[in-house]
Every structure is written in structure tokens, then in C-alpha cells.
Protein backbone atom coordinates (compact mmCIF):
# COMPACT_ATOMS: atom_id res chain seq x y z
CA MET A 1 -17.99 30.56 -87.15
CA GLU A 2 -21.38 28.98 -86.82
CA VAL A 3 -22.30 26.46 -83.93
CA ASP A 4 -24.25 23.66 -84.62
CA THR A 5 -26.75 23.04 -81.83
CA GLY A 6 -29.41 21.29 -83.33
CA PRO A 7 -30.70 17.66 -82.30
CA GLY A 8 -28.21 14.87 -82.33
CA SER A 9 -25.12 17.29 -82.58
CA ASP A 10 -22.49 18.01 -80.07
CA GLU A 11 -22.19 21.43 -78.81
CA LEU A 12 -19.07 23.28 -79.89
CA VAL A 13 -17.25 25.59 -77.63
CA PRO A 14 -15.17 28.34 -79.01
CA GLU A 15 -11.50 27.66 -78.95
CA ASN A 16 -10.63 30.94 -77.25
CA ASP A 17 -13.07 30.17 -74.11
CA VAL A 18 -11.35 26.78 -73.53
CA TYR A 19 -7.97 28.54 -73.55
CA ASN A 20 -9.10 31.04 -71.00
CA VAL A 21 -10.46 28.41 -68.73
CA ASP A 22 -7.37 26.20 -68.91
CA GLU A 23 -5.34 29.22 -68.10
CA SER A 24 -7.12 30.23 -65.12
CA GLU A 25 -7.14 26.85 -63.51
CA SER A 26 -3.27 26.67 -64.19
CA LEU A 27 -2.95 29.94 -62.44
CA LEU A 28 -4.95 28.91 -59.52
CA THR A 29 -2.90 25.28 -59.25
CA ASN A 30 0.17 27.24 -59.20
CA VAL A 31 -0.74 29.65 -56.40
CA VAL A 32 -2.05 26.67 -54.43
CA SER A 33 1.21 24.74 -54.98
CA ASP A 34 3.28 27.86 -53.92
CA VAL A 35 1.40 28.29 -50.69
CA ASN A 36 1.72 24.65 -49.90
CA LYS A 37 5.66 24.94 -50.42
CA THR A 38 5.91 28.10 -48.34
CA LEU A 39 4.11 26.43 -45.41
CA THR A 40 6.02 23.27 -45.79
CA ASN A 41 9.19 25.09 -45.73
CA LEU A 42 8.12 27.10 -42.67
CA TYR A 43 7.03 24.06 -40.83
CA ASN A 44 10.43 22.36 -41.60
CA GLN A 45 12.37 25.43 -40.24
CA VAL A 46 10.13 25.54 -36.99
CA THR A 47 10.68 21.78 -36.46
CA SER A 48 14.42 22.07 -37.17
CA SER A 49 14.75 24.86 -34.64
CA ASN A 50 12.65 23.15 -32.17
CA TYR A 51 14.89 19.88 -32.63
CA THR A 52 18.09 21.98 -32.43
CA VAL A 53 16.92 23.62 -29.06
CA GLU A 54 16.12 20.33 -27.58
CA ASN A 55 19.43 18.71 -28.64
CA ILE A 56 21.41 21.58 -26.88
CA THR A 57 19.17 21.46 -23.76
CA GLN A 58 19.84 17.58 -23.61
CA ASN A 59 23.52 17.97 -24.22
CA LEU A 60 23.71 20.48 -21.38
CA ASN A 61 21.77 18.55 -19.13
CA ASP A 62 23.92 15.49 -19.93
CA THR A 63 27.01 17.44 -19.23
CA LYS A 64 25.73 18.78 -15.94
CA LYS A 65 25.08 15.38 -14.76
CA LEU A 66 28.72 14.29 -15.12
CA VAL A 67 31.00 14.01 -12.12
CA LYS A 68 34.70 13.98 -12.38
CA CYS A 69 36.46 11.19 -10.71
CA LYS A 70 39.88 11.15 -9.29
CA GLU A 71 42.34 8.60 -10.72
CA ILE A 72 42.85 5.76 -8.43
CA ILE A 73 46.70 4.80 -7.91
CA TYR A 74 47.22 1.18 -7.21
CA ASN A 75 50.29 0.33 -5.13
CA THR A 76 51.35 -2.95 -6.79
CA THR A 77 53.82 -3.89 -9.53
CA ASP A 78 52.00 -6.94 -10.51
CA GLU A 79 51.34 -6.79 -14.25
CA GLU A 80 48.32 -9.29 -13.97
CA PHE A 81 46.79 -7.06 -11.20
CA GLU A 82 42.97 -6.31 -11.74
CA PRO A 83 40.84 -4.12 -9.49
CA SER A 84 38.26 -5.97 -7.68
CA VAL A 85 35.28 -5.30 -5.45
CA GLU A 86 36.01 -4.71 -1.65
CA ILE A 87 33.63 -6.31 1.18
CA ILE A 88 33.08 -3.68 3.85
CA ASN A 89 31.21 -3.06 7.03
CA GLY A 90 29.09 -0.01 8.19
CA THR A 91 32.25 1.64 9.96
CA SER A 92 34.45 1.40 6.76
CA LEU A 93 31.60 2.72 4.57
CA GLY A 94 31.39 5.88 6.88
CA LYS A 95 35.11 6.63 6.63
CA LEU A 96 35.12 5.97 2.92
CA LEU A 97 32.30 8.31 2.25
CA ALA A 98 33.75 11.00 4.31
CA ILE A 99 33.33 14.57 2.73
CA ASN A 100 35.95 16.77 1.95
CA ASN A 101 34.94 20.26 2.43
CA GLN A 102 37.55 21.81 0.09
CA ILE A 103 35.83 20.11 -2.89
CA SER A 104 33.02 22.22 -4.06
CA GLY A 105 31.12 20.50 -6.85
CA ARG A 106 30.91 17.76 -9.51
CA ASP A 107 33.36 19.18 -11.83
CA THR A 108 36.21 19.01 -9.08
CA GLU A 109 38.33 15.74 -9.09
CA ALA A 110 37.04 13.55 -6.02
CA VAL A 111 36.91 9.85 -5.24
CA CYS A 112 34.05 8.22 -6.81
CA VAL A 113 32.68 5.14 -5.00
CA LEU A 114 30.02 2.79 -6.25
CA VAL A 115 28.26 1.00 -3.35
CA PHE A 116 26.50 -2.26 -3.86
CA PHE A 117 23.99 -2.85 -0.88
CA HIS A 118 23.00 -6.65 -1.05
CA ALA A 119 21.68 -9.29 1.27
CA ARG A 120 22.95 -12.93 1.15
CA ALA A 121 19.55 -14.36 1.38
CA CYS A 122 18.24 -12.30 -1.37
CA PRO A 123 17.88 -14.10 -4.82
CA PHE A 124 18.20 -10.86 -6.89
CA SER A 125 21.45 -9.93 -4.87
CA ALA A 126 22.85 -13.27 -5.73
CA HIS A 127 22.00 -12.87 -9.65
CA ALA A 128 23.58 -9.23 -9.69
CA ALA A 129 26.74 -10.34 -7.62
CA PRO A 130 28.83 -11.63 -10.67
CA HIS A 131 28.13 -8.85 -12.67
CA PHE A 132 29.09 -6.35 -10.08
CA ASN A 133 32.31 -8.16 -9.58
CA ALA A 134 33.10 -7.98 -13.29
CA LEU A 135 32.16 -4.14 -13.38
CA ALA A 136 35.28 -3.39 -11.02
CA ARG A 137 37.60 -4.37 -14.04
CA ALA A 138 35.90 -2.25 -16.34
CA TYR A 139 36.10 0.95 -14.36
CA PRO A 140 39.27 0.78 -12.54
CA ASN A 141 38.84 4.47 -11.52
CA VAL A 142 35.80 3.95 -9.54
CA LYS A 143 35.99 2.69 -6.07
CA MET A 144 33.76 -0.35 -5.75
CA VAL A 145 32.56 -1.93 -2.42
CA ALA A 146 29.86 -4.05 -1.20
CA LEU A 147 27.99 -4.08 1.98
CA ASP A 148 25.51 -6.49 3.57
CA ALA A 149 22.48 -4.23 4.06
CA LEU A 150 20.78 -6.88 6.32
CA LYS A 151 23.78 -7.25 8.63
CA TYR A 152 24.55 -3.78 8.89
CA HIS A 153 21.08 -2.50 8.92
CA GLY A 154 21.70 0.39 10.98
CA ILE A 155 23.07 2.57 8.02
CA ASN A 156 20.01 1.78 5.69
CA ALA A 157 18.09 4.97 6.78
CA GLN A 158 21.30 6.99 6.67
CA TYR A 159 21.87 6.29 2.94
CA GLY A 160 18.23 5.70 1.98
CA ILE A 161 18.14 2.04 1.46
CA VAL A 162 14.64 0.66 1.25
CA GLY A 163 15.40 -2.62 -0.55
CA VAL A 164 18.17 -4.69 -1.96
CA PRO A 165 20.09 -4.98 -4.25
CA THR A 166 20.79 -1.25 -4.35
CA LEU A 167 23.44 0.33 -6.46
CA LYS A 168 24.49 4.02 -5.64
CA MET A 169 27.16 6.18 -6.62
CA PHE A 170 29.02 8.60 -4.35
CA HIS A 171 31.23 11.57 -5.47
CA ASN A 172 33.16 13.27 -2.55
CA GLY A 173 30.94 11.29 -0.14
CA LYS A 174 27.71 12.77 -1.66
CA PRO A 175 25.26 10.56 -3.47
CA VAL A 176 25.07 11.51 -7.20
CA GLY A 177 23.06 8.70 -8.71
CA LYS A 178 21.05 5.42 -7.97
CA PHE A 179 20.53 2.57 -10.28
CA ASN A 180 16.94 2.26 -11.08
CA GLY A 181 17.08 -0.32 -13.80
CA THR A 182 15.12 -3.61 -13.88
CA GLU A 183 18.05 -5.77 -15.15
CA TYR A 184 20.78 -6.43 -12.88
CA ASN A 185 23.43 -7.16 -15.53
CA LEU A 186 26.95 -5.94 -16.42
CA GLN A 187 25.67 -3.96 -19.52
CA SER A 188 23.02 -2.04 -17.37
CA PHE A 189 25.47 -1.59 -14.60
CA SER A 190 28.03 0.05 -17.13
CA LYS A 191 25.51 2.17 -18.66
CA PHE A 192 24.62 3.47 -15.30
CA VAL A 193 28.48 4.35 -14.40
CA ASN A 194 28.92 5.89 -17.90
CA THR A 195 26.01 8.09 -17.51
CA ILE A 196 27.22 9.51 -14.34
CA THR A 197 30.89 9.83 -14.85
CA GLY A 198 31.28 9.82 -18.66
CA MET A 199 34.02 7.33 -18.54
CA GLN A 200 34.26 4.52 -21.14
CA PRO A 201 34.47 0.94 -19.85
CA GLY A 202 37.04 -1.45 -20.47
CA GLN A 203 36.45 -4.91 -21.36
CA LEU A 204 32.82 -6.00 -20.31
CA LEU A 205 33.10 -9.86 -19.46
CA VAL A 206 31.67 -11.92 -16.69
CA THR A 207 33.99 -14.66 -15.97
CA SER A 208 33.50 -17.94 -13.84
CA LYS A 209 35.69 -16.47 -11.22
CA ASP A 210 33.20 -13.45 -10.85
CA PHE A 211 30.64 -16.23 -9.61
CA GLN A 212 32.97 -17.09 -6.75
CA GLY A 213 33.46 -13.63 -5.42
CA PRO A 214 34.40 -11.18 -3.70
CA VAL A 215 30.54 -10.63 -3.71
CA SER A 216 28.96 -14.39 -3.60
CA SER A 217 26.52 -15.45 -5.86
CA ILE A 218 25.50 -18.31 -3.69
CA LEU A 219 21.99 -17.77 -2.16
CA GLU A 220 22.36 -18.36 1.66
CA LYS A 221 19.45 -19.27 3.80
CA GLU A 222 19.34 -17.29 6.94
CA THR A 223 16.70 -16.11 9.45
CA ASP A 224 15.75 -12.48 9.31
CA TYR A 225 15.00 -11.93 12.98
CA PHE A 226 13.89 -8.28 12.32
CA LEU A 227 11.26 -9.54 9.75
CA VAL A 228 10.05 -11.93 12.51
CA LEU A 229 9.71 -9.59 15.12
CA SER A 230 7.78 -7.24 12.47
CA TRP A 231 5.35 -9.87 11.92
CA ILE A 232 4.89 -10.24 15.91
CA PHE A 233 4.32 -6.55 16.18
CA ILE A 234 1.85 -6.64 13.47
CA ALA A 235 -0.03 -9.57 14.84
CA ILE A 236 -0.12 -7.89 18.43
CA CYS A 237 -1.43 -4.61 16.78
CA GLY A 238 -3.92 -6.47 14.91
CA PHE A 239 -5.39 -8.38 17.84
CA TYR A 240 -5.33 -5.32 19.91
CA TYR A 241 -7.41 -3.37 17.39
CA PHE A 242 -9.78 -6.44 16.93
CA MET A 243 -10.48 -6.33 20.64
CA GLN A 244 -11.70 -2.79 20.33
CA SER A 245 -14.26 -3.76 17.47
CA THR A 246 -17.93 -4.82 17.96
CA TRP A 247 -17.34 -8.27 16.68
CA TRP A 248 -15.17 -8.96 19.76
CA LYS A 249 -17.63 -7.57 22.09
CA SER A 250 -20.34 -9.72 20.42
CA ILE A 251 -18.08 -12.82 20.96
CA VAL A 252 -17.58 -11.83 24.58
CA GLU A 253 -21.23 -11.47 25.18
CA SER A 254 -22.23 -14.63 23.59
CA ILE A 255 -19.49 -16.35 25.66
CA GLN A 256 -20.85 -14.94 28.79
CA ASN A 257 -24.48 -15.77 28.09
CA ASN A 258 -23.70 -19.29 27.25
CA TRP A 259 -21.65 -19.56 30.51
CA ARG A 260 -24.69 -18.10 32.57
CA GLU A 261 -27.08 -20.47 30.98
CA SER A 262 -24.77 -23.35 31.60
CA ALA A 263 -24.48 -22.36 35.17
CA ALA A 264 -28.14 -22.00 35.51
CA GLN A 265 -28.74 -25.42 34.14
CA HIS A 266 -26.37 -26.96 36.42
CA GLU A 267 -28.04 -25.41 39.60
CA HIS A 268 -31.34 -26.61 38.27
CA ASN A 269 -30.02 -30.17 37.98
CA ASP A 270 -28.71 -30.17 41.26
């Protein structure tokens, strides 16, 4: 076959050559596609394996955190009876959190106690009070008590209370969880209890009765004498260290010089 390569004419490529080029490109594309598919499948398998391992680890961790709470038997025949929060003092809390040495671990049934450390003059405690009152109805097998941490301040160091309100869960008298949420409401409290015990809540509802008690939601104004003493102590320490500074010495020397000059001037006038 002749090929016209003269001026003004298009170069004609033999048919066999065109077919060979297309076939080579097609083979290369297929190879690249197969490699991509292989790498994609390998990546998916590795990702799936990692995800499965993470889920198993998370499930094991979640199961390990759960504590087994002993069922609370209420001695009452009143059909309308509802569990409620008990207001206690420091002595009662110590008795309630007595440790039974026969109970070995979390997977053994024991009394679960949720303690609400609060202060009547704290606005955050007043806001959280009705939600904690309602929580007692949702979890009847968790003993819920409230204690004024400001009034019974001697136990704060014993249970690691550095601020109010503080919610701590105890199993067999041992702390097993502390509420670290920023929202003090019934849903957050319920999620905290569920995470530790695995128990499902009953009805989550805050009623008007919950605002009245047992833990009062009315903010009370009272003098914190320990806070006043703390400020006095800080002021005394600050004044003492200021007396040791060069500024204090300069002030004293300035007063002494002025006193001498005044005395000398007075003698001169006499």
C-alpha cells in the first residue's frame, strides 16, 4: 500500500501499527487497574481488622468498668412509694461506706452508693439539686445520698472533694467513678450511672416536687468562715513578705529621714 507524504496531504498510518499501539495501552491500563484494586482490597482488609480490634478492646474496657450493684429491698407496702435521696452527715456517710472484706471485686454484688457533695450557698449545687432528686427514682437499686460538704468539711480530704457539686459512685465503700461532666442535668447524671453500672434507667423526669427537696434547690446566703480565715491568713502572709522586701526598707528609711529633718527643724526654730 502506498502512503502519500506529499505536501498538503495527511500522513497515513498503517492499520496494523494502530492496532498494536491500542492493544499495548489497553494491557497497561488493565494492569494498573488490577494493581489499584489489589491495593484497595488490601487497605480495606487492614482497616477492617484494625476496626474490629478496636471494637473488641473497647468492649472489653467497657465491660471491665461495670460494677455489680446489689438489689435494694424497700420495707414498705405502699404501692405509690418512690425511692428518694437521703440527707446524711459525715458520721452516717462513714458507716454507709464501710468496706466488706469478703467482697473481692467489682463483679461481686455489693451496695452501690451515689454521693452528692454539695453546698447550700453554691449556685451550681442549687441548679443540680432537682436533677439529682429525680435520679433516685430512675435507679432504685442505687443508694443515693447527699451531704453538705461545707458543713461537714472534715471529710472532704478523706474522699478527695476539692469543689462542689461533686458526684461520686461507691461500690462496697470504694470509689469507682466520679462525674466529670460540665452539664448538671438528669440526662448527664443518668449516663454517668449507666456507664458505671450498666443498669438501664426508669423514667427520666424532673417534676416540680424535685425542686422542693430532699436536696433544696433554693440558694441560701451564708458566711463561709473558713474562706474568711483563709483570706486573713493570705493577707498576713503577704504583709509579712512585703516587710522583707527592699520597698519596705526604702519606705521605712524615708519616714525616718523625714522624721529626723522635722525634729532638727523644730530644734532650730526653738
